[in-house]
């Protein structure tokens, strides 16, 4: 239990650093959380996967797409072995945004559509696990917002900012966004 508490503390610290725009320090904290989670938690543990997902999303939000993509693809392969859930949908959505920002529209559209399908099937719009920044993702407009057909003019998120309207946003919480809501 002590490891989980430490991971929660690191997560909260990273959220604060991200909100302050201090991505370098947030990445250091999240790398520490990732290492701690990998050393102490099972490969399929949702807290472990959540720590890695949050680090990947932070990289993507800072324009370091390949680093974020690699992390998200690794945990996606693990999470696909489980029953579809909110964590899988969140990983798919983050990876879909990453592909979109790299002008990989076909891959982005496929992943975002799968994410949307899982959100709609398993999460109601009034569910406490659906945070305010997730609600826009529960509509079909998500597909056109993140993957406009043939129009790649706004494919990159602003660097160094979270919470932008263009989708370059890390979820409200990191490690426990999905797992703690259960």
C-alpha atoms as a PDB file:
ATOM      1  CA  UNK A   1       0.000   0.000   0.000  1.00  0.00           C
ATOM      2  CA  UNK A   2       2.903   2.339   0.654  1.00  0.00           C
ATOM      3  CA  UNK A   3       3.989   2.149  -3.020  1.00  0.00           C
ATOM      4  CA  UNK A   4       0.511   3.121  -4.153  1.00  0.00           C
ATOM      5  CA  UNK A   5       0.492   6.109  -1.797  1.00  0.00           C
ATOM      6  CA  UNK A   6       3.885   7.209  -3.122  1.00  0.00           C
ATOM      7  CA  UNK A   7       2.603   6.895  -6.690  1.00  0.00           C
ATOM      8  CA  UNK A   8      -0.444   8.996  -5.828  1.00  0.00           C
ATOM      9  CA  UNK A   9       1.824  11.657  -4.296  1.00  0.00           C
ATOM     10  CA  UNK A  10       4.061  11.691  -7.389  1.00  0.00           C
ATOM     11  CA  UNK A  11       0.993  11.879  -9.609  1.00  0.00           C
ATOM     12  CA  UNK A  12      -0.395  14.853  -7.708  1.00  0.00           C
ATOM     13  CA  UNK A  13       2.981  16.589  -7.915  1.00  0.00           C
ATOM     14  CA  UNK A  14       3.147  16.004 -11.687  1.00  0.00           C
ATOM     15  CA  UNK A  15      -0.381  17.349 -12.159  1.00  0.00           C
ATOM     16  CA  UNK A  16       0.610  20.537 -10.321  1.00  0.00           C
ATOM     17  CA  UNK A  17       3.820  20.892 -12.337  1.00  0.00           C
ATOM     18  CA  UNK A  18       1.928  20.368 -15.610  1.00  0.00           C
ATOM     19  CA  UNK A  19      -0.657  22.983 -14.657  1.00  0.00           C
ATOM     20  CA  UNK A  20       2.198  25.396 -13.933  1.00  0.00           C
ATOM     21  CA  UNK A  21       3.690  24.633 -17.358  1.00  0.00           C
ATOM     22  CA  UNK A  22       6.807  23.071 -15.842  1.00  0.00           C
ATOM     23  CA  UNK A  23       6.995  20.079 -18.185  1.00  0.00           C
ATOM     24  CA  UNK A  24      10.649  19.275 -17.565  1.00  0.00           C
ATOM     25  CA  UNK A  25      10.078  18.771 -13.859  1.00  0.00           C
ATOM     26  CA  UNK A  26       6.772  16.984 -14.472  1.00  0.00           C
ATOM     27  CA  UNK A  27       8.540  14.504 -16.764  1.00  0.00           C
ATOM     28  CA  UNK A  28      11.198  13.850 -14.102  1.00  0.00           C
ATOM     29  CA  UNK A  29       8.511  13.148 -11.511  1.00  0.00           C
ATOM     30  CA  UNK A  30       6.559  10.942 -13.924  1.00  0.00           C
ATOM     31  CA  UNK A  31       9.703   9.024 -14.934  1.00  0.00           C
ATOM     32  CA  UNK A  32      10.260   8.338 -11.246  1.00  0.00           C
ATOM     33  CA  UNK A  33       6.643   7.158 -10.893  1.00  0.00           C
ATOM     34  CA  UNK A  34       6.997   4.954 -13.970  1.00  0.00           C
ATOM     35  CA  UNK A  35      10.159   3.341 -12.626  1.00  0.00           C
ATOM     36  CA  UNK A  36       8.586   2.787  -9.204  1.00  0.00           C
ATOM     37  CA  UNK A  37       5.444   1.290 -10.765  1.00  0.00           C
ATOM     38  CA  UNK A  38       7.421  -0.998 -13.077  1.00  0.00           C
ATOM     39  CA  UNK A  39       9.581  -2.264 -10.223  1.00  0.00           C
ATOM     40  CA  UNK A  40       6.758  -2.846  -7.739  1.00  0.00           C
ATOM     41  CA  UNK A  41       3.493  -3.514  -9.559  1.00  0.00           C
ATOM     42  CA  UNK A  42       2.239  -6.246 -11.848  1.00  0.00           C
ATOM     43  CA  UNK A  43       2.454  -5.593 -15.603  1.00  0.00           C
ATOM     44  CA  UNK A  44      -1.346  -5.413 -15.866  1.00  0.00           C
ATOM     45  CA  UNK A  45      -1.904  -3.307 -12.749  1.00  0.00           C
ATOM     46  CA  UNK A  46      -4.063  -0.317 -13.696  1.00  0.00           C
ATOM     47  CA  UNK A  47      -2.086   2.041 -11.492  1.00  0.00           C
ATOM     48  CA  UNK A  48       1.120   1.008 -13.287  1.00  0.00           C
ATOM     49  CA  UNK A  49      -0.515   1.447 -16.687  1.00  0.00           C
ATOM     50  CA  UNK A  50      -1.992   4.776 -15.599  1.00  0.00           C
ATOM     51  CA  UNK A  51       1.412   6.099 -14.527  1.00  0.00           C
ATOM     52  CA  UNK A  52       2.895   5.203 -17.899  1.00  0.00           C
ATOM     53  CA  UNK A  53      -0.123   6.618 -19.767  1.00  0.00           C
ATOM     54  CA  UNK A  54       0.169   9.950 -17.988  1.00  0.00           C
ATOM     55  CA  UNK A  55       3.875  10.173 -18.818  1.00  0.00           C
ATOM     56  CA  UNK A  56       3.080   9.394 -22.454  1.00  0.00           C
ATOM     57  CA  UNK A  57       0.372  12.058 -22.576  1.00  0.00           C
ATOM     58  CA  UNK A  58       2.741  14.585 -21.014  1.00  0.00           C
ATOM     59  CA  UNK A  59       5.342  13.880 -23.681  1.00  0.00           C
ATOM     60  CA  UNK A  60       2.715  14.281 -26.405  1.00  0.00           C
ATOM     61  CA  UNK A  61       1.429  17.547 -24.932  1.00  0.00           C
ATOM     62  CA  UNK A  62       4.982  18.849 -25.043  1.00  0.00           C
ATOM     63  CA  UNK A  63       5.440  17.840 -28.686  1.00  0.00           C
ATOM     64  CA  UNK A  64       7.644  14.813 -27.975  1.00  0.00           C
ATOM     65  CA  UNK A  65       5.417  12.525 -30.021  1.00  0.00           C
ATOM     66  CA  UNK A  66       7.742   9.571 -30.542  1.00  0.00           C
ATOM     67  CA  UNK A  67       8.454   9.214 -26.810  1.00  0.00           C
ATOM     68  CA  UNK A  68       4.763   9.432 -25.960  1.00  0.00           C
ATOM     69  CA  UNK A  69       3.773   7.126 -28.788  1.00  0.00           C
ATOM     70  CA  UNK A  70       6.232   4.424 -27.722  1.00  0.00           C
ATOM     71  CA  UNK A  71       4.944   4.448 -24.134  1.00  0.00           C
ATOM     72  CA  UNK A  72       1.294   4.390 -25.175  1.00  0.00           C
ATOM     73  CA  UNK A  73       1.795   1.609 -27.716  1.00  0.00           C
ATOM     74  CA  UNK A  74       3.513  -0.524 -25.072  1.00  0.00           C
ATOM     75  CA  UNK A  75       0.699  -0.194 -22.554  1.00  0.00           C
ATOM     76  CA  UNK A  76      -1.955  -0.531 -25.266  1.00  0.00           C
ATOM     77  CA  UNK A  77      -0.662  -4.000 -26.077  1.00  0.00           C
ATOM     78  CA  UNK A  78      -0.984  -4.931 -22.387  1.00  0.00           C
ATOM     79  CA  UNK A  79      -4.418  -3.361 -21.896  1.00  0.00           C
ATOM     80  CA  UNK A  80      -5.861  -4.974 -25.053  1.00  0.00           C
ATOM     81  CA  UNK A  81      -5.506  -8.321 -23.272  1.00  0.00           C
ATOM     82  CA  UNK A  82      -8.095  -7.174 -20.722  1.00  0.00           C
ATOM     83  CA  UNK A  83     -11.829  -6.520 -20.981  1.00  0.00           C
ATOM     84  CA  UNK A  84     -12.454  -3.160 -22.699  1.00  0.00           C
ATOM     85  CA  UNK A  85     -12.760  -0.410 -20.091  1.00  0.00           C
ATOM     86  CA  UNK A  86     -12.217   3.294 -19.527  1.00  0.00           C
ATOM     87  CA  UNK A  87      -8.435   2.890 -19.286  1.00  0.00           C
ATOM     88  CA  UNK A  88      -8.323   1.222 -22.706  1.00  0.00           C
ATOM     89  CA  UNK A  89     -10.490   3.992 -24.177  1.00  0.00           C
ATOM     90  CA  UNK A  90      -8.244   6.651 -22.623  1.00  0.00           C
ATOM     91  CA  UNK A  91      -5.081   5.035 -23.992  1.00  0.00           C
ATOM     92  CA  UNK A  92      -6.646   4.715 -27.451  1.00  0.00           C
ATOM     93  CA  UNK A  93      -7.743   8.352 -27.391  1.00  0.00           C
ATOM     94  CA  UNK A  94      -4.302   9.603 -26.321  1.00  0.00           C
ATOM     95  CA  UNK A  95      -2.551   7.500 -28.951  1.00  0.00           C
ATOM     96  CA  UNK A  96      -5.089   8.612 -31.564  1.00  0.00           C
ATOM     97  CA  UNK A  97      -4.332  12.259 -30.771  1.00  0.00           C
ATOM     98  CA  UNK A  98      -0.609  11.514 -30.997  1.00  0.00           C
ATOM     99  CA  UNK A  99      -1.070   9.973 -34.454  1.00  0.00           C
ATOM    100  CA  UNK A 100      -3.205  12.921 -35.508  1.00  0.00           C
ATOM    101  CA  UNK A 101      -0.532  15.394 -34.458  1.00  0.00           C
ATOM    102  CA  UNK A 102       1.920  13.438 -36.635  1.00  0.00           C
ATOM    103  CA  UNK A 103      -0.445  13.624 -39.642  1.00  0.00           C
ATOM    104  CA  UNK A 104      -1.273   9.908 -39.464  1.00  0.00           C
ATOM    105  CA  UNK A 105      -4.974  10.491 -40.068  1.00  0.00           C
ATOM    106  CA  UNK A 106      -5.986   6.918 -40.927  1.00  0.00           C
ATOM    107  CA  UNK A 107      -4.430   5.479 -37.767  1.00  0.00           C
ATOM    108  CA  UNK A 108      -5.747   8.361 -35.674  1.00  0.00           C
ATOM    109  CA  UNK A 109      -9.289   7.945 -36.986  1.00  0.00           C
ATOM    110  CA  UNK A 110      -9.258   4.195 -36.351  1.00  0.00           C
ATOM    111  CA  UNK A 111      -8.065   4.563 -32.742  1.00  0.00           C
ATOM    112  CA  UNK A 112     -10.334   7.497 -31.917  1.00  0.00           C
ATOM    113  CA  UNK A 113     -13.359   5.646 -33.313  1.00  0.00           C
ATOM    114  CA  UNK A 114     -12.503   2.618 -31.188  1.00  0.00           C
ATOM    115  CA  UNK A 115     -12.031   4.846 -28.146  1.00  0.00           C
ATOM    116  CA  UNK A 116     -15.359   6.549 -28.730  1.00  0.00           C
ATOM    117  CA  UNK A 117     -17.102   3.199 -29.091  1.00  0.00           C
ATOM    118  CA  UNK A 118     -15.731   2.015 -25.744  1.00  0.00           C
ATOM    119  CA  UNK A 119     -16.619   5.279 -23.996  1.00  0.00           C
ATOM    120  CA  UNK A 120     -20.170   5.139 -25.327  1.00  0.00           C
ATOM    121  CA  UNK A 121     -20.613   1.475 -24.452  1.00  0.00           C
ATOM    122  CA  UNK A 122     -19.143   1.450 -20.954  1.00  0.00           C
ATOM    123  CA  UNK A 123     -19.483   4.976 -19.632  1.00  0.00           C
ATOM    124  CA  UNK A 124     -22.604   7.098 -19.428  1.00  0.00           C
ATOM    125  CA  UNK A 125     -22.252  10.846 -19.835  1.00  0.00           C
ATOM    126  CA  UNK A 126     -23.270  11.262 -16.171  1.00  0.00           C
ATOM    127  CA  UNK A 127     -20.722   8.763 -14.846  1.00  0.00           C
ATOM    128  CA  UNK A 128     -18.371  10.249 -12.237  1.00  0.00           C
ATOM    129  CA  UNK A 129     -15.407   8.819 -14.176  1.00  0.00           C
ATOM    130  CA  UNK A 130     -16.196  11.128 -17.088  1.00  0.00           C
ATOM    131  CA  UNK A 131     -14.352  14.317 -16.226  1.00  0.00           C
ATOM    132  CA  UNK A 132     -15.145  17.658 -17.801  1.00  0.00           C
ATOM    133  CA  UNK A 133     -12.301  17.323 -20.297  1.00  0.00           C
ATOM    134  CA  UNK A 134     -13.581  13.915 -21.422  1.00  0.00           C
ATOM    135  CA  UNK A 135     -17.176  14.911 -22.157  1.00  0.00           C
ATOM    136  CA  UNK A 136     -16.411  16.480 -25.554  1.00  0.00           C
ATOM    137  CA  UNK A 137     -14.812  13.188 -26.539  1.00  0.00           C
ATOM    138  CA  UNK A 138     -18.139  11.419 -26.112  1.00  0.00           C
ATOM    139  CA  UNK A 139     -19.566  12.838 -29.308  1.00  0.00           C
ATOM    140  CA  UNK A 140     -18.929  12.128 -32.940  1.00  0.00           C
ATOM    141  CA  UNK A 141     -17.514  15.632 -33.257  1.00  0.00           C
ATOM    142  CA  UNK A 142     -14.391  14.181 -31.657  1.00  0.00           C
ATOM    143  CA  UNK A 143     -13.647  12.471 -34.946  1.00  0.00           C
ATOM    144  CA  UNK A 144     -13.785  15.650 -37.001  1.00  0.00           C
ATOM    145  CA  UNK A 145     -12.069  17.726 -34.314  1.00  0.00           C
ATOM    146  CA  UNK A 146      -9.026  15.478 -34.083  1.00  0.00           C
ATOM    147  CA  UNK A 147      -9.004  13.915 -37.551  1.00  0.00           C
ATOM    148  CA  UNK A 148     -10.486  16.247 -40.165  1.00  0.00           C
ATOM    149  CA  UNK A 149     -10.725  14.467 -43.499  1.00  0.00           C
ATOM    150  CA  UNK A 150      -7.788  15.631 -45.548  1.00  0.00           C
ATOM    151  CA  UNK A 151      -7.292  18.886 -43.619  1.00  0.00           C
ATOM    152  CA  UNK A 152      -4.119  18.749 -41.575  1.00  0.00           C
ATOM    153  CA  UNK A 153      -3.747  22.491 -41.099  1.00  0.00           C
ATOM    154  CA  UNK A 154      -4.164  22.298 -37.323  1.00  0.00           C
ATOM    155  CA  UNK A 155      -2.532  18.967 -36.685  1.00  0.00           C
ATOM    156  CA  UNK A 156      -0.089  19.998 -33.967  1.00  0.00           C
ATOM    157  CA  UNK A 157      -1.029  21.044 -30.453  1.00  0.00           C
ATOM    158  CA  UNK A 158       0.516  24.139 -28.970  1.00  0.00           C
ATOM    159  CA  UNK A 159       3.826  23.169 -27.382  1.00  0.00           C
ATOM    160  CA  UNK A 160       4.223  23.654 -23.671  1.00  0.00           C
ATOM    161  CA  UNK A 161       0.538  24.101 -22.788  1.00  0.00           C
ATOM    162  CA  UNK A 162      -1.985  21.768 -21.259  1.00  0.00           C
ATOM    163  CA  UNK A 163      -5.696  22.260 -21.423  1.00  0.00           C
ATOM    164  CA  UNK A 164      -5.746  23.822 -24.869  1.00  0.00           C
ATOM    165  CA  UNK A 165      -8.977  23.595 -26.814  1.00  0.00           C
ATOM    166  CA  UNK A 166      -7.214  21.723 -29.615  1.00  0.00           C
ATOM    167  CA  UNK A 167      -6.958  18.506 -27.653  1.00  0.00           C
ATOM    168  CA  UNK A 168      -3.300  18.633 -26.648  1.00  0.00           C
ATOM    169  CA  UNK A 169      -4.405  18.004 -23.118  1.00  0.00           C
ATOM    170  CA  UNK A 170      -3.390  15.567 -20.444  1.00  0.00           C
ATOM    171  CA  UNK A 171      -6.316  14.208 -18.481  1.00  0.00           C
ATOM    172  CA  UNK A 172      -7.283  15.857 -15.187  1.00  0.00           C
ATOM    173  CA  UNK A 173      -5.460  13.267 -13.141  1.00  0.00           C
ATOM    174  CA  UNK A 174      -2.614  10.993 -13.921  1.00  0.00           C
ATOM    175  CA  UNK A 175      -2.082   7.645 -12.308  1.00  0.00           C
ATOM    176  CA  UNK A 176      -5.498   7.215 -10.737  1.00  0.00           C
ATOM    177  CA  UNK A 177      -7.869   8.937 -13.152  1.00  0.00           C
ATOM    178  CA  UNK A 178      -9.529   5.668 -14.162  1.00  0.00           C
ATOM    179  CA  UNK A 179      -8.650   3.111 -11.507  1.00  0.00           C
ATOM    180  CA  UNK A 180      -9.631   5.165  -8.459  1.00  0.00           C
ATOM    181  CA  UNK A 181     -13.124   5.808  -9.754  1.00  0.00           C
ATOM    182  CA  UNK A 182     -14.097   2.157  -9.390  1.00  0.00           C
END
